[in-house]
Amino acid sequence: MNRKPLSQNPVIAILWSLLYFAIFMGCQLATSLVFSLIVPIRVIAKNPLLGDAELMRLAETELLSHLDTISVVSAVITVVIFWFIAFFRKRPLEQELGLYKVSFTSLCSVSAIAIAAVYVISLIFSFIPERWLTGYNEQMTSMLDAESSLMFVATVVVAPIVEEITFRAMMYGALSRAMPPWVAMLLSSFIFGAAHGNIIQGIYAFSLGMLLVWIYYRFGSVIPCIMLHIVFNLFGSYSQMIFNRFQSAYSTVLLLALAFTIPAILHIIRVTRKSPPPPRNYF
């Protein structure tokens, strides 16, 4: 694919990408802080006769039960801030956030790749000693035990949208204007992995991030990245639930996805052989 020559100072590009990351993390921290102030007040108001230790335990439990709400609220705030950035720069939203349309066939292709990626990464993780996975397994178990519709939406829909806009459209987009694509891919994927908080999930996220940023590099659009991320989170986080409810169909879908992975990759390379929408001037 033909690419425009690099046109920005790498230091400036890194600073802008870190600003986008700071917006993403800042919204999460600010939302969590607000809830951590409101929830204890509500718990104390409802239980004025309890001791401090019991109140702290109840407040912690109540706060954990609102993690899904915190995720959704922080995501909405993040996207709104990015919308304001586009507004003040007087640029179309699709250009600022990389929301270019792609074909239905391409979306099916990235979906097949996502399901195959879940299987491959899970197979790799099966060789990791169980003691290394303790923190990761506890985090996944607590999320799935929530049995919240809002948690499902936050994990499968909201997180992919806001993370792809942040890490691929904004961060990688900024970095790719000032350094070779492979360097920008590695750097943005490393930050994406680091944002997930622990080593195991960080490695998991870095691997996924490299796949997602390659998709963005090929299409110049964040929409197929969002689609891949949605399917990946659905089958990665809720595979057991899907298997229990759709046992026969689950195996068929998995086999079809594995069978069509190579054709899907070849399709993506073929349809993106020409240059994608030109990189945006971020600064």
Protein backbone atom coordinates (compact mmCIF):
# COMPACT_ATOMS: atom_id res chain seq x y z
CA MET A 1 0.00 0.00 0.00
CA ASN A 2 1.17 3.48 -0.75
CA ARG A 3 1.72 5.65 2.29
CA LYS A 4 2.31 9.33 2.75
CA PRO A 5 5.78 10.29 3.96
CA LEU A 6 6.23 10.90 7.68
CA SER A 7 5.40 14.50 8.46
CA GLN A 8 5.48 15.00 12.23
CA ASN A 9 8.10 15.21 14.98
CA PRO A 10 8.20 11.86 16.86
CA VAL A 11 8.36 13.62 20.24
CA ILE A 12 5.24 15.66 19.44
CA ALA A 13 3.48 12.54 18.18
CA ILE A 14 4.27 10.64 21.38
CA LEU A 15 3.09 13.55 23.53
CA TRP A 16 -0.22 13.74 21.66
CA SER A 17 -0.72 9.99 21.88
CA LEU A 18 -0.02 10.13 25.62
CA LEU A 19 -2.57 12.94 25.90
CA TYR A 20 -5.21 10.69 24.31
CA PHE A 21 -4.22 7.91 26.70
CA ALA A 22 -4.42 10.33 29.63
CA ILE A 23 -7.94 11.32 28.56
CA PHE A 24 -8.94 7.64 28.43
CA MET A 25 -7.44 6.77 31.82
CA GLY A 26 -8.41 10.09 33.40
CA CYS A 27 -12.07 9.54 32.61
CA GLN A 28 -11.94 6.11 34.24
CA LEU A 29 -10.16 7.41 37.34
CA ALA A 30 -12.41 10.46 37.67
CA THR A 31 -15.58 8.37 37.31
CA SER A 32 -14.27 5.84 39.85
CA LEU A 33 -13.42 8.64 42.27
CA VAL A 34 -16.89 10.15 42.03
CA PHE A 35 -18.52 6.78 42.69
CA SER A 36 -16.10 6.05 45.55
CA LEU A 37 -17.28 9.27 47.20
CA ILE A 38 -20.99 8.83 46.54
CA VAL A 39 -21.35 5.13 47.41
CA PRO A 40 -20.03 5.33 51.02
CA ILE A 41 -22.31 8.29 51.71
CA ARG A 42 -25.31 6.28 50.52
CA VAL A 43 -24.25 3.24 52.56
CA ILE A 44 -23.86 5.35 55.74
CA ALA A 45 -27.22 7.02 55.16
CA LYS A 46 -28.95 3.65 54.81
CA ASN A 47 -27.12 2.00 57.73
CA PRO A 48 -26.43 4.68 60.37
CA LEU A 49 -26.16 2.20 63.26
CA LEU A 50 -23.45 -0.06 61.81
CA GLY A 51 -19.82 0.08 62.93
CA ASP A 52 -17.00 1.44 60.79
CA ALA A 53 -15.67 -1.96 59.74
CA GLU A 54 -19.09 -3.17 58.60
CA LEU A 55 -19.77 0.08 56.78
CA MET A 56 -16.45 -0.20 54.94
CA ARG A 57 -17.25 -3.77 53.91
CA LEU A 58 -20.69 -2.81 52.65
CA ALA A 59 -19.31 0.22 50.81
CA GLU A 60 -16.67 -1.90 49.09
CA THR A 61 -19.25 -4.49 48.04
CA GLU A 62 -21.59 -1.78 46.79
CA LEU A 63 -18.80 -0.10 44.83
CA LEU A 64 -17.80 -3.37 43.14
CA SER A 65 -21.41 -3.88 42.10
CA HIS A 66 -21.23 -0.57 40.21
CA LEU A 67 -18.16 -1.41 38.12
CA ASP A 68 -20.33 -1.91 35.04
CA THR A 69 -21.89 1.54 35.49
CA ILE A 70 -18.48 3.11 36.04
CA SER A 71 -17.19 1.52 32.82
CA VAL A 72 -20.11 2.75 30.74
CA VAL A 73 -20.12 6.28 32.19
CA SER A 74 -16.35 6.73 31.75
CA ALA A 75 -16.56 5.42 28.18
CA VAL A 76 -19.32 7.86 27.27
CA ILE A 77 -17.36 10.77 28.76
CA THR A 78 -14.23 9.71 26.82
CA VAL A 79 -16.05 9.59 23.49
CA VAL A 80 -17.72 12.94 24.19
CA ILE A 81 -14.30 14.53 24.85
CA PHE A 82 -12.97 13.12 21.58
CA TRP A 83 -16.07 14.49 19.85
CA PHE A 84 -15.31 17.94 21.28
CA ILE A 85 -11.75 17.63 19.97
CA ALA A 86 -13.13 16.96 16.49
CA PHE A 87 -15.63 19.82 16.88
CA PHE A 88 -13.00 22.39 17.85
CA ARG A 89 -10.73 21.24 15.04
CA LYS A 90 -13.69 21.67 12.67
CA ARG A 91 -13.28 18.20 11.22
CA PRO A 92 -15.94 15.60 10.39
CA LEU A 93 -16.37 13.05 13.15
CA GLU A 94 -15.73 10.14 10.80
CA GLN A 95 -12.40 11.67 9.84
CA GLU A 96 -11.31 12.48 13.39
CA LEU A 97 -12.27 9.09 14.82
CA GLY A 98 -11.59 6.94 11.74
CA LEU A 99 -15.22 5.92 11.26
CA TYR A 100 -14.96 5.03 7.57
CA LYS A 101 -17.41 2.45 6.21
CA VAL A 102 -16.26 -1.02 5.17
CA SER A 103 -18.06 -3.85 3.37
CA PHE A 104 -20.17 -6.49 5.08
CA THR A 105 -17.82 -9.17 3.72
CA SER A 106 -14.88 -7.48 5.43
CA LEU A 107 -16.77 -7.38 8.74
CA CYS A 108 -17.49 -11.11 8.40
CA SER A 109 -13.80 -11.68 7.68
CA VAL A 110 -12.61 -9.89 10.81
CA SER A 111 -15.26 -11.75 12.85
CA ALA A 112 -13.87 -15.09 11.70
CA ILE A 113 -10.35 -13.94 12.55
CA ALA A 114 -11.54 -12.83 16.01
CA ILE A 115 -13.02 -16.25 16.85
CA ALA A 116 -9.88 -18.01 15.62
CA ALA A 117 -7.74 -15.60 17.66
CA VAL A 118 -9.67 -16.47 20.82
CA TYR A 119 -8.99 -20.16 20.19
CA VAL A 120 -5.28 -19.64 19.42
CA ILE A 121 -4.61 -17.37 22.41
CA SER A 122 -6.56 -19.72 24.73
CA LEU A 123 -4.47 -22.62 23.44
CA ILE A 124 -1.27 -20.70 24.18
CA PHE A 125 -2.53 -19.80 27.66
CA SER A 126 -3.19 -23.48 28.38
CA PHE A 127 0.60 -23.97 28.55
CA ILE A 128 1.06 -21.22 31.16
CA PRO A 129 1.42 -22.49 34.77
CA GLU A 130 -1.82 -22.14 36.72
CA ARG A 131 -0.18 -20.17 39.52
CA TRP A 132 0.70 -17.41 37.03
CA LEU A 133 -2.96 -17.07 36.07
CA THR A 134 -4.39 -16.66 39.59
CA GLY A 135 -4.97 -12.91 39.44
CA TYR A 136 -6.29 -13.03 35.88
CA ASN A 137 -8.69 -15.89 36.64
CA GLU A 138 -9.99 -14.15 39.76
CA GLN A 139 -10.65 -10.97 37.78
CA MET A 140 -12.50 -12.86 35.03
CA THR A 141 -14.50 -14.89 37.57
CA SER A 142 -15.62 -11.79 39.49
CA MET A 143 -16.70 -10.15 36.23
CA LEU A 144 -18.71 -13.17 35.06
CA ASP A 145 -20.22 -13.76 38.51
CA ALA A 146 -21.77 -10.29 38.34
CA GLU A 147 -24.45 -11.66 35.98
CA SER A 148 -25.28 -8.12 34.97
CA SER A 149 -26.74 -7.18 31.61
CA LEU A 150 -24.97 -3.86 31.89
CA MET A 151 -21.64 -5.64 32.55
CA PHE A 152 -22.21 -7.68 29.39
CA VAL A 153 -22.87 -4.51 27.39
CA ALA A 154 -19.85 -2.78 28.96
CA THR A 155 -17.53 -5.70 28.14
CA VAL A 156 -18.80 -6.71 24.72
CA VAL A 157 -19.97 -3.40 23.23
CA VAL A 158 -18.85 -0.31 25.12
CA ALA A 159 -15.23 -1.30 25.85
CA PRO A 160 -14.44 -2.26 22.23
CA ILE A 161 -15.85 1.00 20.89
CA VAL A 162 -14.04 3.35 23.25
CA GLU A 163 -10.78 1.35 23.25
CA GLU A 164 -10.59 1.17 19.46
CA ILE A 165 -11.26 4.88 19.10
CA THR A 166 -8.62 5.65 21.75
CA PHE A 167 -5.82 3.20 20.95
CA ARG A 168 -6.18 2.67 17.22
CA ALA A 169 -7.85 5.76 15.74
CA MET A 170 -6.35 8.36 18.06
CA MET A 171 -3.10 6.96 19.48
CA TYR A 172 -1.86 4.83 16.58
CA GLY A 173 -3.14 7.42 14.14
CA ALA A 174 -1.01 10.10 15.82
CA LEU A 175 2.08 7.90 16.12
CA SER A 176 1.90 6.69 12.52
CA ARG A 177 2.33 10.25 11.29
CA ALA A 178 5.79 10.45 12.85
CA MET A 179 7.32 6.96 12.79
CA PRO A 180 7.27 3.76 10.72
CA PRO A 181 3.99 1.82 11.00
CA TRP A 182 5.57 -1.17 12.74
CA VAL A 183 7.05 1.07 15.46
CA ALA A 184 3.70 2.82 15.97
CA MET A 185 1.99 -0.58 16.10
CA LEU A 186 4.34 -1.90 18.77
CA LEU A 187 4.18 1.26 20.87
CA SER A 188 0.39 1.66 20.78
CA SER A 189 -0.11 -2.07 21.46
CA PHE A 190 2.33 -1.95 24.38
CA ILE A 191 0.39 0.93 25.95
CA PHE A 192 -2.87 -0.94 25.28
CA GLY A 193 -1.48 -3.98 27.11
CA ALA A 194 -0.11 -1.91 30.00
CA ALA A 195 -3.53 -0.28 30.46
CA HIS A 196 -5.03 -3.65 31.43
CA GLY A 197 -3.29 -3.70 34.79
CA ASN A 198 -1.63 -7.12 35.21
CA ILE A 199 1.05 -9.06 33.33
CA ILE A 200 -1.13 -11.91 32.03
CA GLN A 201 -3.93 -9.66 30.83
CA GLY A 202 -1.31 -7.25 29.50
CA ILE A 203 0.26 -9.95 27.32
CA TYR A 204 -3.23 -11.00 26.22
CA ALA A 205 -4.13 -7.39 25.35
CA PHE A 206 -0.80 -6.71 23.61
CA SER A 207 -1.33 -9.71 21.32
CA LEU A 208 -4.87 -8.60 20.56
CA GLY A 209 -3.69 -5.02 20.11
CA MET A 210 -1.17 -6.04 17.43
CA LEU A 211 -3.92 -7.82 15.51
CA LEU A 212 -6.31 -4.89 15.85
CA VAL A 213 -3.77 -2.28 14.83
CA TRP A 214 -2.87 -4.36 11.76
CA ILE A 215 -6.55 -4.34 10.81
CA TYR A 216 -6.61 -0.55 11.27
CA TYR A 217 -3.43 -0.22 9.21
CA ARG A 218 -5.00 -2.18 6.35
CA PHE A 219 -8.43 -0.51 6.32
CA GLY A 220 -7.69 2.98 7.65
CA SER A 221 -10.97 2.59 9.53
CA VAL A 222 -11.77 1.80 13.15
CA ILE A 223 -15.09 0.08 12.33
CA PRO A 224 -13.61 -3.36 11.46
CA CYS A 225 -11.43 -3.06 14.57
CA ILE A 226 -14.52 -2.49 16.70
CA MET A 227 -16.23 -5.48 15.08
CA LEU A 228 -13.23 -7.76 15.68
CA HIS A 229 -12.91 -6.55 19.28
CA ILE A 230 -16.63 -7.12 19.97
CA VAL A 231 -16.54 -10.69 18.67
CA PHE A 232 -13.26 -11.38 20.48
CA ASN A 233 -14.64 -10.15 23.81
CA LEU A 234 -17.89 -12.04 23.30
CA PHE A 235 -16.21 -15.39 22.65
CA GLY A 236 -13.25 -14.72 24.94
CA SER A 237 -15.14 -13.56 28.03
CA TYR A 238 -18.42 -15.44 27.63
CA SER A 239 -17.36 -18.59 25.77
CA GLN A 240 -18.56 -20.90 28.55
CA MET A 241 -21.96 -19.20 28.66
CA ILE A 242 -22.30 -19.42 24.87
CA PHE A 243 -21.22 -23.06 24.88
CA ASN A 244 -23.73 -23.98 27.59
CA ARG A 245 -26.61 -22.38 25.69
CA PHE A 246 -25.65 -23.25 22.11
CA GLN A 247 -23.51 -26.38 22.38
CA SER A 248 -24.00 -27.76 18.87
CA ALA A 249 -23.86 -24.37 17.15
CA TYR A 250 -20.77 -23.29 19.12
CA SER A 251 -18.59 -26.09 17.76
CA THR A 252 -19.82 -25.44 14.22
CA VAL A 253 -19.09 -21.71 14.44
CA LEU A 254 -15.61 -22.38 15.85
CA LEU A 255 -14.75 -24.86 13.08
CA LEU A 256 -16.04 -22.53 10.38
CA ALA A 257 -14.08 -19.62 11.83
CA LEU A 258 -10.87 -21.66 11.87
CA ALA A 259 -11.51 -22.89 8.33
CA PHE A 260 -12.12 -19.39 6.98
CA THR A 261 -9.28 -17.62 8.85
CA ILE A 262 -6.74 -17.85 6.03
CA PRO A 263 -9.30 -16.89 3.33
CA ALA A 264 -10.41 -14.01 5.57
CA ILE A 265 -6.84 -12.71 5.89
CA LEU A 266 -6.33 -13.01 2.13
CA HIS A 267 -9.60 -11.15 1.54
CA ILE A 268 -8.49 -8.30 3.80
CA ILE A 269 -5.14 -8.04 2.02
CA ARG A 270 -6.86 -8.06 -1.37
CA VAL A 271 -9.53 -5.44 -0.63
CA THR A 272 -7.05 -3.14 1.12
CA ARG A 273 -4.32 -3.40 -1.52
CA LYS A 274 -5.01 0.20 -2.46
CA SER A 275 -4.27 2.96 0.00
CA PRO A 276 -6.85 3.46 2.79
CA PRO A 277 -8.24 6.93 3.61
CA PRO A 278 -5.26 9.26 4.04
CA PRO A 279 -3.79 9.69 7.55
CA ARG A 280 -5.17 12.67 9.42
CA ASN A 281 -3.14 15.65 10.55
CA TYR A 282 -3.48 15.30 14.32
CA PHE A 283 -1.59 18.34 15.50
